[in-house]
């Protein structure tokens, strides 16, 4: 029988540090000399095996983004942002190409409503032995109102969001990293944290490799609607065009941030 559920090991889960909500908790990623099972290091960027592999039948790694515990993707200097994204995308695609896993997921949690536990900026790359995430994805969830289409990179606001409400999509060809991709990603995150019409402190990034394109879906996080929890029905707000225009006016006009 095809497996559609990941199994969570609760005995490992209770041991995980919780620095997002518990500010007194020491940050394990700041103690860089004590980190073990390193896979690759590029200056302040580190990829290592996850010390708390809570997901069964999966290969779990953590990508530490920076040595600044209080850093945040929306404020990274562009050279570091591009270095980080190239590093992460390369390792994600290489693990997928190795052929050991049914699929490989690459994502980021930020903030108390994101599902994360450690505040220090990081992402995760996870190889799934018996689950193919692409079976739950259709191309329509990456389509929407165009905010910018330039240099081979598209930036859209979903008109058919996967979970509901506001989901930003950025796409580029999978042949090489395009710096415009990173710039748009940063603008979307900055908008969520600083200019979103509803106060947002949390977001997720979900990377997808689909039809020879690299997508990242940027999702501001709030309490999830009960209609999606109970029935799997996404909701689409009626102000998407307003929001697309708001982002254009703030980030894509002369003199904008």
Protein backbone atom coordinates (compact mmCIF):
# COMPACT_ATOMS: atom_id res chain seq x y z
CA UNK A 1 0.00 0.00 0.00
CA UNK A 2 1.27 3.47 -0.89
CA UNK A 3 2.33 5.48 2.16
CA UNK A 4 0.93 9.00 2.46
CA UNK A 5 1.83 9.76 6.09
CA UNK A 6 5.09 10.64 7.82
CA UNK A 7 5.59 9.07 11.23
CA UNK A 8 6.81 11.39 13.99
CA UNK A 9 8.98 9.96 16.78
CA UNK A 10 7.64 11.62 19.93
CA UNK A 11 10.42 10.27 22.17
CA UNK A 12 12.92 12.28 20.10
CA UNK A 13 10.57 15.23 19.67
CA UNK A 14 10.34 15.96 23.40
CA UNK A 15 14.14 16.37 23.53
CA UNK A 16 14.29 19.10 20.89
CA UNK A 17 15.35 22.56 22.11
CA UNK A 18 12.61 25.21 21.91
CA UNK A 19 14.23 28.62 21.42
CA UNK A 20 11.41 30.28 19.47
CA UNK A 21 9.06 30.39 22.46
CA UNK A 22 11.58 29.85 25.26
CA UNK A 23 13.99 32.78 24.98
CA UNK A 24 16.05 31.44 27.90
CA UNK A 25 16.88 28.27 25.96
CA UNK A 26 20.50 28.19 24.79
CA UNK A 27 20.77 28.17 21.00
CA UNK A 28 22.42 24.95 19.77
CA UNK A 29 23.37 26.52 16.43
CA UNK A 30 25.39 29.30 18.08
CA UNK A 31 27.71 26.73 19.70
CA UNK A 32 29.41 26.11 16.37
CA UNK A 33 32.42 24.34 17.85
CA UNK A 34 30.08 21.73 19.34
CA UNK A 35 28.23 20.91 16.13
CA UNK A 36 28.71 17.35 14.86
CA UNK A 37 27.95 15.39 11.67
CA UNK A 38 28.86 18.29 9.40
CA UNK A 39 28.20 17.65 5.70
CA UNK A 40 29.44 20.87 4.09
CA UNK A 41 30.62 24.25 5.37
CA UNK A 42 30.79 27.47 3.36
CA UNK A 43 31.89 30.23 5.72
CA UNK A 44 28.96 31.04 8.02
CA UNK A 45 26.70 28.55 6.17
CA UNK A 46 26.65 24.98 7.50
CA UNK A 47 24.83 21.85 6.35
CA UNK A 48 24.73 19.05 8.91
CA UNK A 49 22.72 16.02 9.91
CA UNK A 50 19.76 16.82 12.14
CA UNK A 51 20.59 15.94 15.76
CA UNK A 52 16.89 15.30 16.41
CA UNK A 53 15.60 13.18 13.48
CA UNK A 54 11.96 13.13 14.53
CA UNK A 55 10.70 11.86 11.17
CA UNK A 56 10.93 8.12 10.68
CA UNK A 57 12.03 6.62 7.37
CA UNK A 58 13.64 9.90 6.36
CA UNK A 59 17.12 11.42 6.08
CA UNK A 60 17.08 14.78 7.86
CA UNK A 61 19.55 17.62 7.51
CA UNK A 62 19.65 21.21 8.76
CA UNK A 63 21.06 24.16 6.85
CA UNK A 64 22.28 26.86 9.25
CA UNK A 65 21.99 30.10 7.28
CA UNK A 66 24.29 32.41 9.21
CA UNK A 67 26.34 32.76 12.38
CA UNK A 68 24.07 35.65 13.46
CA UNK A 69 21.41 34.21 15.75
CA UNK A 70 19.26 37.31 15.27
CA UNK A 71 19.65 37.46 11.50
CA UNK A 72 16.65 37.22 9.19
CA UNK A 73 16.40 36.43 5.50
CA UNK A 74 14.63 39.68 4.62
CA UNK A 75 17.61 41.72 5.80
CA UNK A 76 20.52 39.63 4.49
CA UNK A 77 23.04 41.45 2.33
CA UNK A 78 22.52 40.33 -1.25
CA UNK A 79 25.91 38.55 -1.62
CA UNK A 80 25.11 36.39 1.41
CA UNK A 81 21.53 35.79 0.26
CA UNK A 82 22.67 34.53 -3.15
CA UNK A 83 25.45 32.44 -1.59
CA UNK A 84 22.94 30.84 0.79
CA UNK A 85 20.32 30.08 -1.86
CA UNK A 86 22.87 28.66 -4.30
CA UNK A 87 24.27 26.46 -1.52
CA UNK A 88 20.84 25.25 -0.42
CA UNK A 89 19.38 24.63 -3.88
CA UNK A 90 22.52 22.78 -5.01
CA UNK A 91 22.52 20.46 -2.01
CA UNK A 92 18.77 19.87 -2.32
CA UNK A 93 18.96 18.98 -6.01
CA UNK A 94 22.11 16.86 -5.53
CA UNK A 95 20.40 14.79 -2.83
CA UNK A 96 17.41 14.32 -5.11
CA UNK A 97 19.61 13.29 -8.06
CA UNK A 98 21.35 10.66 -5.92
CA UNK A 99 18.27 8.48 -6.40
CA UNK A 100 18.11 7.20 -2.82
CA UNK A 101 14.79 8.80 -1.97
CA UNK A 102 11.25 8.88 -3.30
CA UNK A 103 11.49 12.67 -3.04
CA UNK A 104 13.49 15.38 -1.27
CA UNK A 105 11.90 18.40 0.39
CA UNK A 106 13.53 21.76 1.11
CA UNK A 107 11.81 24.30 3.35
CA UNK A 108 12.18 27.01 5.98
CA UNK A 109 10.20 27.84 9.12
CA UNK A 110 10.31 31.31 10.65
CA UNK A 111 8.37 32.55 13.65
CA UNK A 112 6.10 31.09 16.35
CA UNK A 113 3.30 30.07 13.95
CA UNK A 114 5.57 28.46 11.35
CA UNK A 115 5.90 25.03 12.99
CA UNK A 116 9.55 25.61 13.86
CA UNK A 117 11.25 25.28 17.24
CA UNK A 118 14.67 26.96 16.93
CA UNK A 119 14.86 30.70 16.31
CA UNK A 120 18.36 30.76 14.80
CA UNK A 121 17.90 31.17 11.01
CA UNK A 122 17.94 27.78 9.33
CA UNK A 123 16.31 25.64 6.65
CA UNK A 124 15.84 21.89 6.32
CA UNK A 125 16.55 19.42 3.52
CA UNK A 126 14.89 16.03 4.06
CA UNK A 127 15.03 12.91 1.95
CA UNK A 128 11.78 10.91 2.11
CA UNK A 129 12.20 7.18 1.52
CA UNK A 130 8.61 6.33 0.64
CA UNK A 131 6.66 9.56 0.05
CA UNK A 132 6.63 11.59 -3.16
CA UNK A 133 5.59 15.15 -2.32
CA UNK A 134 4.96 15.90 -6.00
CA UNK A 135 1.87 13.67 -5.94
CA UNK A 136 0.20 16.40 -3.85
CA UNK A 137 1.20 19.24 -6.16
CA UNK A 138 -0.40 20.56 -9.33
CA UNK A 139 0.93 23.35 -11.53
CA UNK A 140 -2.09 25.54 -10.85
CA UNK A 141 -0.99 26.25 -7.26
CA UNK A 142 2.03 28.12 -8.67
CA UNK A 143 -0.03 30.31 -10.99
CA UNK A 144 -1.64 33.62 -10.18
CA UNK A 145 -1.55 37.37 -10.55
CA UNK A 146 1.77 38.49 -12.00
CA UNK A 147 3.69 40.91 -9.82
CA UNK A 148 6.88 40.82 -11.90
CA UNK A 149 8.03 38.76 -14.87
CA UNK A 150 11.59 39.64 -15.78
CA UNK A 151 14.97 38.05 -16.50
CA UNK A 152 13.42 34.58 -16.72
CA UNK A 153 11.93 34.82 -13.21
CA UNK A 154 8.22 35.11 -12.43
CA UNK A 155 6.77 36.47 -9.19
CA UNK A 156 3.07 35.80 -8.65
CA UNK A 157 0.35 35.85 -6.01
CA UNK A 158 -1.62 32.59 -6.10
CA UNK A 159 -5.20 32.68 -7.35
CA UNK A 160 -5.60 29.00 -6.42
CA UNK A 161 -3.55 28.70 -3.23
CA UNK A 162 -2.78 25.24 -1.90
CA UNK A 163 -3.84 25.95 1.71
CA UNK A 164 -5.66 29.23 1.24
CA UNK A 165 -5.53 33.01 1.39
CA UNK A 166 -2.12 34.50 0.51
CA UNK A 167 0.65 32.45 -1.12
CA UNK A 168 3.46 34.05 -3.11
CA UNK A 169 5.27 32.09 -5.82
CA UNK A 170 8.64 32.72 -7.44
CA UNK A 171 9.87 30.55 -10.30
CA UNK A 172 13.02 30.18 -12.39
CA UNK A 173 14.47 27.67 -14.81
CA UNK A 174 16.28 24.77 -13.10
CA UNK A 175 19.40 25.04 -15.29
CA UNK A 176 21.12 27.65 -13.10
CA UNK A 177 20.54 29.93 -10.13
CA UNK A 178 19.14 33.31 -11.17
CA UNK A 179 19.86 36.18 -8.77
CA UNK A 180 16.51 37.80 -9.58
CA UNK A 181 14.92 34.75 -7.95
CA UNK A 182 16.67 35.54 -4.67
CA UNK A 183 15.88 39.25 -4.84
CA UNK A 184 12.16 38.57 -5.34
CA UNK A 185 12.13 35.98 -2.55
CA UNK A 186 13.63 38.53 -0.18
CA UNK A 187 11.10 41.18 -1.22
CA UNK A 188 8.20 38.80 -0.57
CA UNK A 189 9.47 37.94 2.92
CA UNK A 190 10.14 41.61 3.70
CA UNK A 191 6.59 42.49 2.63
CA UNK A 192 5.12 39.80 4.88
CA UNK A 193 7.08 40.91 7.95
CA UNK A 194 6.91 44.67 7.43
CA UNK A 195 4.09 45.74 5.10
CA UNK A 196 1.48 43.00 5.24
CA UNK A 197 -1.99 44.45 5.93
CA UNK A 198 -2.49 41.80 8.62
CA UNK A 199 0.20 41.60 11.29
CA UNK A 200 2.46 38.65 10.48
CA UNK A 201 5.46 37.41 12.45
CA UNK A 202 5.74 33.97 10.85
CA UNK A 203 6.20 32.51 7.40
CA UNK A 204 7.29 29.37 5.58
CA UNK A 205 9.31 28.84 2.42
CA UNK A 206 8.57 25.68 0.44
CA UNK A 207 10.83 24.85 -2.51
CA UNK A 208 9.60 22.66 -5.35
CA UNK A 209 11.32 21.14 -8.38
CA UNK A 210 8.52 20.70 -10.89
CA UNK A 211 8.48 20.48 -14.71
CA UNK A 212 12.10 21.66 -15.01
CA UNK A 213 11.40 24.75 -12.95
CA UNK A 214 12.45 25.71 -9.44
CA UNK A 215 9.60 27.22 -7.43
CA UNK A 216 9.52 28.69 -3.97
CA UNK A 217 6.15 29.22 -2.33
CA UNK A 218 6.24 31.88 0.39
CA UNK A 219 3.38 31.57 2.86
CA UNK A 220 2.60 34.02 5.68
CA UNK A 221 1.44 31.98 8.66
CA UNK A 222 -1.57 32.61 10.86
CA UNK A 223 -3.90 30.24 12.69
CA UNK A 224 -4.97 27.84 9.93
CA UNK A 225 -8.60 28.17 8.84
CA UNK A 226 -10.86 25.41 10.19
CA UNK A 227 -12.34 24.85 6.74
CA UNK A 228 -8.95 23.66 5.53
CA UNK A 229 -8.21 21.65 8.69
CA UNK A 230 -11.59 19.93 8.67
CA UNK A 231 -12.42 19.64 4.99
CA UNK A 232 -9.30 20.48 2.98
CA UNK A 233 -11.08 23.45 1.37
CA UNK A 234 -8.77 26.40 0.58
CA UNK A 235 -10.20 29.92 0.65
CA UNK A 236 -9.30 32.70 -1.79
CA UNK A 237 -9.56 36.31 -0.53
CA UNK A 238 -11.18 38.99 -2.68
CA UNK A 239 -8.33 41.52 -2.42
CA UNK A 240 -5.59 39.67 -4.33
CA UNK A 241 -5.36 42.31 -7.06
CA UNK A 242 -5.08 45.03 -4.44
CA UNK A 243 -2.24 43.17 -2.72
CA UNK A 244 -0.38 42.56 -5.99
CA UNK A 245 -0.63 46.28 -6.77
CA UNK A 246 0.48 47.15 -3.23
CA UNK A 247 3.64 45.06 -3.59
CA UNK A 248 4.36 46.59 -7.00
CA UNK A 249 4.02 50.11 -5.59
CA UNK A 250 6.27 49.36 -2.61
CA UNK A 251 9.00 47.28 -4.28
CA UNK A 252 8.89 47.72 -8.05
CA UNK A 253 8.55 51.45 -8.64
CA UNK A 254 11.32 54.03 -8.71
CA UNK A 255 12.39 54.98 -5.21
CA UNK A 256 10.77 51.87 -3.64
CA UNK A 257 12.49 49.72 -0.99
